[in-house]
Amino acid sequence: MMTEQKLSRGGPVVSLGGECDEANFDTRDSLLAGALMAMGIEPVGSEPCRVITREHLSGANYQFYFKPMSDCGKWRTRELLKYWTEGAEWVEKNPDHPFAYAMAAVKNYRGLLDFINKKVPYGWVSRGKSIAMLPLDASLETQELLLGRMGK
């Protein structure tokens, strides 16, 4: 039996094995994979990650495979998945839980990447003896205004 749940960002999280606690776990969410590894959940077998491509689609999907429990025996992968799908609500109720820290780190990383990806990159622009750091999408008028003033 396979269950699938959509997350707010990225691909679906997939858990194989139905209700069996001893089944291995797999996911296409690399951020969840990182959070699980932070908790000591080890990847499974000789091929812990598969790259899956399709002829009719560009890009690739990654499938990560994990053991059902951490080596220390303290953390069950299925429980951590449940916490993951509950998201910020679970973190707010369990702020001191180690997985809450892992989830917060992932959320902050995700937010940081979103912020960076929305920013316009800057670059050094020179004209004659004038050099300025400007957004790469700066208009010619802006470039002339700044570089023209600096050259005077």
N, C-alpha and C. Protein backbone atom coordinates (compact mmCIF):
# COMPACT_ATOMS: atom_id res chain seq x y z
N MET A 1 0.85 -1.18 0.00
CA MET A 1 0.00 0.00 0.00
C MET A 1 0.89 1.24 0.00
N MET A 2 0.52 2.26 -0.76
CA MET A 2 1.29 3.48 -0.81
C MET A 2 0.38 4.64 -0.46
N THR A 3 0.85 5.54 0.38
CA THR A 3 0.09 6.74 0.69
C THR A 3 0.90 7.93 0.22
N GLU A 4 0.21 8.98 -0.18
CA GLU A 4 0.89 10.17 -0.70
C GLU A 4 0.24 11.40 -0.12
N GLN A 5 1.06 12.37 0.30
CA GLN A 5 0.55 13.62 0.83
C GLN A 5 1.31 14.74 0.18
N LYS A 6 0.62 15.80 -0.22
CA LYS A 6 1.27 16.95 -0.83
C LYS A 6 1.78 17.88 0.27
N LEU A 7 2.97 18.41 0.07
CA LEU A 7 3.50 19.44 0.97
C LEU A 7 3.34 20.79 0.30
N SER A 8 3.54 21.85 1.06
CA SER A 8 3.34 23.18 0.52
C SER A 8 4.37 23.51 -0.57
N ARG A 9 5.50 22.90 -0.56
CA ARG A 9 6.52 23.19 -1.56
C ARG A 9 7.22 21.88 -1.89
N GLY A 10 7.65 21.74 -3.12
CA GLY A 10 8.35 20.54 -3.53
C GLY A 10 7.38 19.44 -3.89
N GLY A 11 7.90 18.26 -4.10
CA GLY A 11 7.09 17.13 -4.52
C GLY A 11 6.38 16.49 -3.36
N PRO A 12 5.57 15.50 -3.67
CA PRO A 12 4.85 14.80 -2.61
C PRO A 12 5.80 13.96 -1.77
N VAL A 13 5.41 13.73 -0.54
CA VAL A 13 6.13 12.82 0.34
C VAL A 13 5.46 11.47 0.20
N VAL A 14 6.22 10.42 -0.03
CA VAL A 14 5.65 9.10 -0.25
C VAL A 14 6.18 8.16 0.79
N SER A 15 5.28 7.39 1.40
CA SER A 15 5.66 6.40 2.38
C SER A 15 5.14 5.05 1.90
N LEU A 16 6.02 4.07 1.82
CA LEU A 16 5.62 2.74 1.37
C LEU A 16 5.44 1.82 2.56
N GLY A 17 4.60 0.81 2.40
CA GLY A 17 4.47 -0.21 3.42
C GLY A 17 3.21 -0.12 4.24
N GLY A 18 2.31 0.78 3.93
CA GLY A 18 1.05 0.85 4.67
C GLY A 18 1.27 1.14 6.13
N GLU A 19 0.64 0.38 6.99
CA GLU A 19 0.71 0.61 8.43
C GLU A 19 1.87 -0.13 9.09
N CYS A 20 2.65 -0.86 8.34
CA CYS A 20 3.75 -1.64 8.89
C CYS A 20 4.87 -0.72 9.35
N ASP A 21 5.16 -0.71 10.64
CA ASP A 21 6.21 0.15 11.18
C ASP A 21 7.60 -0.26 10.74
N GLU A 22 7.76 -1.49 10.29
CA GLU A 22 9.10 -1.97 9.95
C GLU A 22 9.45 -1.76 8.48
N ALA A 23 8.53 -1.22 7.68
CA ALA A 23 8.83 -0.99 6.26
C ALA A 23 9.81 0.17 6.14
N ASN A 24 10.67 0.11 5.12
CA ASN A 24 11.55 1.23 4.83
C ASN A 24 10.71 2.39 4.31
N PHE A 25 11.29 3.56 4.37
CA PHE A 25 10.60 4.79 4.03
C PHE A 25 11.28 5.43 2.83
N ASP A 26 10.51 6.04 1.95
CA ASP A 26 11.12 6.76 0.84
C ASP A 26 10.42 8.10 0.64
N THR A 27 11.17 9.06 0.11
CA THR A 27 10.63 10.40 -0.13
C THR A 27 11.33 11.03 -1.32
N ARG A 28 10.63 11.94 -1.97
CA ARG A 28 11.23 12.75 -3.04
C ARG A 28 11.58 14.14 -2.53
N ASP A 29 11.36 14.40 -1.28
CA ASP A 29 11.62 15.72 -0.69
C ASP A 29 13.02 15.74 -0.10
N SER A 30 13.95 16.43 -0.75
CA SER A 30 15.34 16.45 -0.28
C SER A 30 15.48 17.16 1.06
N LEU A 31 14.60 18.11 1.35
CA LEU A 31 14.68 18.79 2.64
C LEU A 31 14.25 17.86 3.77
N LEU A 32 13.21 17.08 3.54
CA LEU A 32 12.82 16.07 4.52
C LEU A 32 13.93 15.05 4.69
N ALA A 33 14.56 14.66 3.60
CA ALA A 33 15.67 13.70 3.68
C ALA A 33 16.78 14.25 4.58
N GLY A 34 17.11 15.51 4.42
CA GLY A 34 18.13 16.12 5.27
C GLY A 34 17.72 16.17 6.73
N ALA A 35 16.45 16.48 6.99
CA ALA A 35 15.96 16.53 8.38
C ALA A 35 16.00 15.15 9.01
N LEU A 36 15.64 14.11 8.25
CA LEU A 36 15.71 12.74 8.77
C LEU A 36 17.14 12.36 9.11
N MET A 37 18.07 12.71 8.22
CA MET A 37 19.47 12.38 8.47
C MET A 37 20.00 13.12 9.70
N ALA A 38 19.51 14.33 9.93
CA ALA A 38 19.91 15.09 11.13
C ALA A 38 19.47 14.38 12.40
N MET A 39 18.42 13.57 12.30
CA MET A 39 17.89 12.83 13.44
C MET A 39 18.54 11.46 13.58
N GLY A 40 19.47 11.14 12.70
CA GLY A 40 20.16 9.86 12.78
C GLY A 40 19.47 8.73 12.04
N ILE A 41 18.49 9.07 11.20
CA ILE A 41 17.84 8.07 10.35
C ILE A 41 18.77 7.85 9.16
N GLU A 42 19.26 6.64 9.02
CA GLU A 42 20.24 6.37 7.97
C GLU A 42 19.58 5.96 6.66
N PRO A 43 20.23 6.32 5.55
CA PRO A 43 19.74 5.83 4.25
C PRO A 43 19.84 4.31 4.18
N VAL A 44 19.07 3.72 3.30
CA VAL A 44 18.97 2.28 3.18
C VAL A 44 19.85 1.76 2.05
N GLY A 45 20.51 0.67 2.31
CA GLY A 45 21.14 -0.16 1.29
C GLY A 45 22.22 0.49 0.46
N SER A 46 22.51 -0.20 -0.65
CA SER A 46 23.61 0.23 -1.52
C SER A 46 23.19 1.36 -2.45
N GLU A 47 21.90 1.61 -2.56
CA GLU A 47 21.43 2.69 -3.42
C GLU A 47 20.43 3.56 -2.65
N PRO A 48 20.94 4.42 -1.73
CA PRO A 48 20.04 5.21 -0.90
C PRO A 48 19.32 6.33 -1.64
N CYS A 49 19.79 6.65 -2.85
CA CYS A 49 19.15 7.69 -3.65
C CYS A 49 19.14 7.26 -5.10
N ARG A 50 18.00 7.41 -5.74
CA ARG A 50 17.89 7.14 -7.17
C ARG A 50 17.54 8.43 -7.87
N VAL A 51 18.13 8.62 -9.05
CA VAL A 51 17.78 9.74 -9.91
C VAL A 51 16.85 9.19 -10.98
N ILE A 52 15.66 9.75 -11.05
CA ILE A 52 14.65 9.25 -11.96
C ILE A 52 14.37 10.30 -13.02
N THR A 53 14.55 9.93 -14.28
CA THR A 53 14.25 10.84 -15.38
C THR A 53 13.18 10.21 -16.26
N ARG A 54 12.51 11.05 -17.01
CA ARG A 54 11.49 10.57 -17.95
C ARG A 54 11.77 11.20 -19.30
N GLU A 55 11.60 10.43 -20.36
CA GLU A 55 11.91 10.91 -21.70
C GLU A 55 11.13 12.16 -22.07
N HIS A 56 9.87 12.22 -21.71
CA HIS A 56 9.01 13.32 -22.13
C HIS A 56 9.06 14.53 -21.20
N LEU A 57 9.82 14.47 -20.12
CA LEU A 57 9.92 15.58 -19.19
C LEU A 57 11.38 16.00 -19.03
N SER A 58 11.60 17.29 -18.85
CA SER A 58 12.96 17.74 -18.58
C SER A 58 13.24 17.64 -17.08
N GLY A 59 14.49 17.58 -16.74
CA GLY A 59 14.87 17.49 -15.33
C GLY A 59 14.79 16.08 -14.80
N ALA A 60 14.98 15.97 -13.50
CA ALA A 60 14.98 14.65 -12.86
C ALA A 60 14.34 14.75 -11.49
N ASN A 61 13.86 13.63 -11.01
CA ASN A 61 13.38 13.50 -9.63
C ASN A 61 14.37 12.67 -8.85
N TYR A 62 14.43 12.92 -7.57
CA TYR A 62 15.31 12.15 -6.70
C TYR A 62 14.44 11.40 -5.72
N GLN A 63 14.75 10.14 -5.51
CA GLN A 63 14.01 9.31 -4.56
C GLN A 63 15.01 8.85 -3.51
N PHE A 64 14.76 9.21 -2.25
CA PHE A 64 15.65 8.87 -1.14
C PHE A 64 15.00 7.75 -0.32
N TYR A 65 15.80 6.79 0.14
CA TYR A 65 15.31 5.64 0.90
C TYR A 65 15.93 5.63 2.29
N PHE A 66 15.10 5.43 3.31
CA PHE A 66 15.56 5.47 4.69
C PHE A 66 15.11 4.26 5.50
N LYS A 67 15.87 3.98 6.53
CA LYS A 67 15.53 2.91 7.47
C LYS A 67 14.33 3.34 8.31
N PRO A 68 13.63 2.39 8.92
CA PRO A 68 12.43 2.72 9.69
C PRO A 68 12.71 3.35 11.06
N MET A 69 13.99 3.31 11.50
CA MET A 69 14.29 3.81 12.84
C MET A 69 15.74 4.29 12.87
N SER A 70 16.01 5.24 13.75
CA SER A 70 17.39 5.70 13.94
C SER A 70 18.22 4.58 14.56
N ASP A 71 19.53 4.64 14.37
CA ASP A 71 20.41 3.61 14.93
C ASP A 71 20.32 3.55 16.46
N CYS A 72 20.07 4.69 17.09
CA CYS A 72 19.97 4.71 18.55
C CYS A 72 18.64 4.11 19.03
N GLY A 73 17.69 3.93 18.12
CA GLY A 73 16.40 3.36 18.47
C GLY A 73 15.41 4.35 19.06
N LYS A 74 15.79 5.61 19.15
CA LYS A 74 14.94 6.60 19.78
C LYS A 74 13.91 7.20 18.82
N TRP A 75 14.23 7.31 17.53
CA TRP A 75 13.37 8.01 16.58
C TRP A 75 12.85 7.06 15.51
N ARG A 76 11.51 7.01 15.37
CA ARG A 76 10.87 6.21 14.33
C ARG A 76 10.60 7.11 13.13
N THR A 77 10.97 6.64 11.97
CA THR A 77 10.82 7.42 10.75
C THR A 77 9.37 7.81 10.52
N ARG A 78 8.44 6.88 10.75
CA ARG A 78 7.00 7.18 10.53
C ARG A 78 6.51 8.30 11.45
N GLU A 79 6.98 8.33 12.69
CA GLU A 79 6.58 9.39 13.61
C GLU A 79 7.11 10.73 13.13
N LEU A 80 8.37 10.73 12.69
CA LEU A 80 8.96 11.97 12.20
C LEU A 80 8.22 12.47 10.95
N LEU A 81 7.81 11.54 10.09
CA LEU A 81 7.03 11.93 8.91
C LEU A 81 5.71 12.57 9.33
N LYS A 82 5.07 12.00 10.34
CA LYS A 82 3.81 12.57 10.84
C LYS A 82 4.05 14.01 11.32
N TYR A 83 5.12 14.21 12.08
CA TYR A 83 5.44 15.56 12.56
C TYR A 83 5.70 16.49 11.38
N TRP A 84 6.41 16.00 10.38
CA TRP A 84 6.75 16.79 9.19
C TRP A 84 5.48 17.28 8.49
N THR A 85 4.53 16.38 8.33
CA THR A 85 3.30 16.75 7.61
C THR A 85 2.43 17.70 8.44
N GLU A 86 2.56 17.66 9.76
CA GLU A 86 1.82 18.61 10.61
C GLU A 86 2.45 20.00 10.53
N GLY A 87 3.71 20.08 10.19
CA GLY A 87 4.38 21.35 9.93
C GLY A 87 4.52 22.27 11.12
N ALA A 88 4.30 23.57 10.85
CA ALA A 88 4.53 24.61 11.86
C ALA A 88 3.67 24.42 13.10
N GLU A 89 2.48 23.89 12.93
CA GLU A 89 1.61 23.66 14.08
C GLU A 89 2.27 22.70 15.07
N TRP A 90 2.88 21.63 14.56
CA TRP A 90 3.57 20.68 15.43
C TRP A 90 4.78 21.33 16.09
N VAL A 91 5.53 22.11 15.32
CA VAL A 91 6.73 22.78 15.86
C VAL A 91 6.34 23.72 17.00
N GLU A 92 5.25 24.46 16.82
CA GLU A 92 4.80 25.38 17.87
C GLU A 92 4.42 24.65 19.15
N LYS A 93 3.86 23.45 19.02
CA LYS A 93 3.45 22.66 20.19
C LYS A 93 4.63 21.92 20.82
N ASN A 94 5.71 21.73 20.08
CA ASN A 94 6.86 20.95 20.54
C ASN A 94 8.17 21.69 20.27
N PRO A 95 8.30 22.91 20.74
CA PRO A 95 9.46 23.73 20.36
C PRO A 95 10.82 23.19 20.81
N ASP A 96 10.84 22.35 21.83
CA ASP A 96 12.12 21.83 22.32
C ASP A 96 12.47 20.45 21.78
N HIS A 97 11.61 19.90 20.95
CA HIS A 97 11.89 18.58 20.36
C HIS A 97 13.02 18.73 19.33
N PRO A 98 13.98 17.81 19.29
CA PRO A 98 15.07 17.91 18.33
C PRO A 98 14.60 18.00 16.88
N PHE A 99 13.51 17.31 16.53
CA PHE A 99 13.04 17.37 15.15
C PHE A 99 12.43 18.73 14.85
N ALA A 100 11.92 19.43 15.87
CA ALA A 100 11.42 20.79 15.67
C ALA A 100 12.57 21.70 15.23
N TYR A 101 13.74 21.49 15.81
CA TYR A 101 14.91 22.27 15.38
C TYR A 101 15.28 21.95 13.94
N ALA A 102 15.24 20.66 13.58
CA ALA A 102 15.55 20.26 12.20
C ALA A 102 14.54 20.86 11.24
N MET A 103 13.28 20.82 11.61
CA MET A 103 12.24 21.39 10.75
C MET A 103 12.39 22.90 10.62
N ALA A 104 12.72 23.57 11.72
CA ALA A 104 12.91 25.02 11.68
C ALA A 104 14.11 25.38 10.79
N ALA A 105 15.17 24.59 10.88
CA ALA A 105 16.34 24.85 10.03
C ALA A 105 15.97 24.72 8.56
N VAL A 106 15.20 23.69 8.23
CA VAL A 106 14.77 23.48 6.85
C VAL A 106 13.86 24.61 6.39
N LYS A 107 12.94 25.03 7.25
CA LYS A 107 12.04 26.12 6.90
C LYS A 107 12.82 27.41 6.66
N ASN A 108 13.79 27.68 7.54
CA ASN A 108 14.62 28.87 7.36
C ASN A 108 15.44 28.79 6.09
N TYR A 109 15.99 27.62 5.79
CA TYR A 109 16.77 27.44 4.57
C TYR A 109 15.88 27.66 3.34
N ARG A 110 14.69 27.08 3.38
CA ARG A 110 13.73 27.23 2.28
C ARG A 110 13.40 28.71 2.08
N GLY A 111 13.13 29.42 3.17
CA GLY A 111 12.82 30.85 3.10
C GLY A 111 14.00 31.66 2.58
N LEU A 112 15.19 31.30 3.02
CA LEU A 112 16.39 31.99 2.55
C LEU A 112 16.56 31.81 1.04
N LEU A 113 16.37 30.60 0.55
CA LEU A 113 16.48 30.35 -0.90
C LEU A 113 15.41 31.12 -1.67
N ASP A 114 14.20 31.14 -1.14
CA ASP A 114 13.13 31.91 -1.80
C ASP A 114 13.51 33.38 -1.88
N PHE A 115 14.04 33.92 -0.79
CA PHE A 115 14.46 35.32 -0.76
C PHE A 115 15.57 35.57 -1.79
N ILE A 116 16.57 34.70 -1.79
CA ILE A 116 17.70 34.86 -2.71
C ILE A 116 17.23 34.77 -4.16
N ASN A 117 16.36 33.82 -4.44
CA ASN A 117 15.90 33.62 -5.81
C ASN A 117 15.07 34.79 -6.33
N LYS A 118 14.49 35.57 -5.43
CA LYS A 118 13.69 36.73 -5.84
C LYS A 118 14.55 37.98 -6.00
N LYS A 119 15.75 37.95 -5.49
CA LYS A 119 16.62 39.12 -5.56
C LYS A 119 17.26 39.23 -6.93
N VAL A 120 17.47 40.45 -7.36
CA VAL A 120 18.16 40.71 -8.62
C VAL A 120 19.65 40.71 -8.32
N PRO A 121 20.42 39.92 -9.06
CA PRO A 121 21.87 39.91 -8.81
C PRO A 121 22.52 41.25 -9.17
N TYR A 122 23.58 41.55 -8.45
CA TYR A 122 24.36 42.76 -8.71
C TYR A 122 25.66 42.36 -9.38
N GLY A 123 26.23 43.29 -10.08
CA GLY A 123 27.52 43.06 -10.71
C GLY A 123 28.28 44.36 -10.81
N TRP A 124 29.57 44.25 -11.03
CA TRP A 124 30.42 45.42 -11.20
C TRP A 124 30.28 45.91 -12.64
N VAL A 125 29.97 47.18 -12.80
CA VAL A 125 29.85 47.79 -14.12
C VAL A 125 30.88 48.90 -14.17
N SER A 126 31.65 48.93 -15.24
CA SER A 126 32.66 49.98 -15.37
C SER A 126 32.47 50.72 -16.68
N ARG A 127 32.80 51.99 -16.61
CA ARG A 127 32.78 52.84 -17.79
C ARG A 127 33.91 53.84 -17.61
N GLY A 128 34.92 53.71 -18.46
CA GLY A 128 36.10 54.56 -18.30
C GLY A 128 36.76 54.27 -16.97
N LYS A 129 36.96 55.33 -16.17
CA LYS A 129 37.56 55.16 -14.85
C LYS A 129 36.52 54.91 -13.77
N SER A 130 35.25 54.96 -14.14
CA SER A 130 34.16 54.79 -13.17
C SER A 130 33.78 53.31 -13.04
N ILE A 131 33.60 52.88 -11.79
CA ILE A 131 33.15 51.51 -11.50
C ILE A 131 32.04 51.61 -10.45
N ALA A 132 30.98 50.85 -10.65
CA ALA A 132 29.87 50.84 -9.68
C ALA A 132 29.29 49.44 -9.60
N MET A 133 28.76 49.10 -8.43
CA MET A 133 28.03 47.84 -8.29
C MET A 133 26.56 48.18 -8.48
N LEU A 134 25.98 47.59 -9.52
CA LEU A 134 24.60 47.88 -9.88
C LEU A 134 23.81 46.59 -10.07
N PRO A 135 22.49 46.68 -9.91
CA PRO A 135 21.68 45.51 -10.25
C PRO A 135 21.89 45.19 -11.73
N LEU A 136 21.95 43.90 -12.06
CA LEU A 136 22.20 43.52 -13.45
C LEU A 136 21.07 43.96 -14.38
N ASP A 137 19.90 44.24 -13.82
CA ASP A 137 18.80 44.71 -14.66
C ASP A 137 18.65 46.23 -14.61
N ALA A 138 19.70 46.94 -14.14
CA ALA A 138 19.64 48.40 -14.07
C ALA A 138 19.47 48.98 -15.47
N SER A 139 18.60 49.96 -15.56
CA SER A 139 18.36 50.61 -16.86
C SER A 139 19.61 51.39 -17.28
N LEU A 140 19.68 51.69 -18.56
CA LEU A 140 20.80 52.50 -19.07
C LEU A 140 20.81 53.87 -18.41
N GLU A 141 19.62 54.41 -18.13
CA GLU A 141 19.53 55.72 -17.47
C GLU A 141 20.17 55.66 -16.08
N THR A 142 19.87 54.60 -15.33
CA THR A 142 20.45 54.44 -13.99
C THR A 142 21.96 54.28 -14.07
N GLN A 143 22.42 53.46 -15.00
CA GLN A 143 23.86 53.28 -15.18
C GLN A 143 24.52 54.62 -15.52
N GLU A 144 23.92 55.36 -16.44
CA GLU A 144 24.49 56.65 -16.85
C GLU A 144 24.50 57.62 -15.69
N LEU A 145 23.42 57.63 -14.93
CA LEU A 145 23.32 58.54 -13.80
C LEU A 145 24.45 58.27 -12.80
N LEU A 146 24.62 57.01 -12.40
CA LEU A 146 25.64 56.67 -11.39
C LEU A 146 27.06 56.74 -11.97
N LEU A 147 27.26 56.14 -13.11
CA LEU A 147 28.60 56.11 -13.67
C LEU A 147 29.02 57.50 -14.17
N GLY A 148 28.07 58.24 -14.66
CA GLY A 148 28.36 59.61 -15.11
C GLY A 148 28.76 60.49 -13.95
N ARG A 149 28.07 60.37 -12.80
CA ARG A 149 28.39 61.17 -11.62
C ARG A 149 29.75 60.79 -11.06
N MET A 150 30.04 59.50 -11.08
CA MET A 150 31.29 59.05 -10.49
C MET A 150 32.49 59.47 -11.34
N GLY A 151 32.26 59.63 -12.63
CA GLY A 151 33.36 60.02 -13.52
C GLY A 151 33.70 61.49 -13.43
N LYS A 152 32.87 62.25 -12.76
CA LYS A 152 33.10 63.70 -12.67
C LYS A 152 33.94 64.05 -11.49
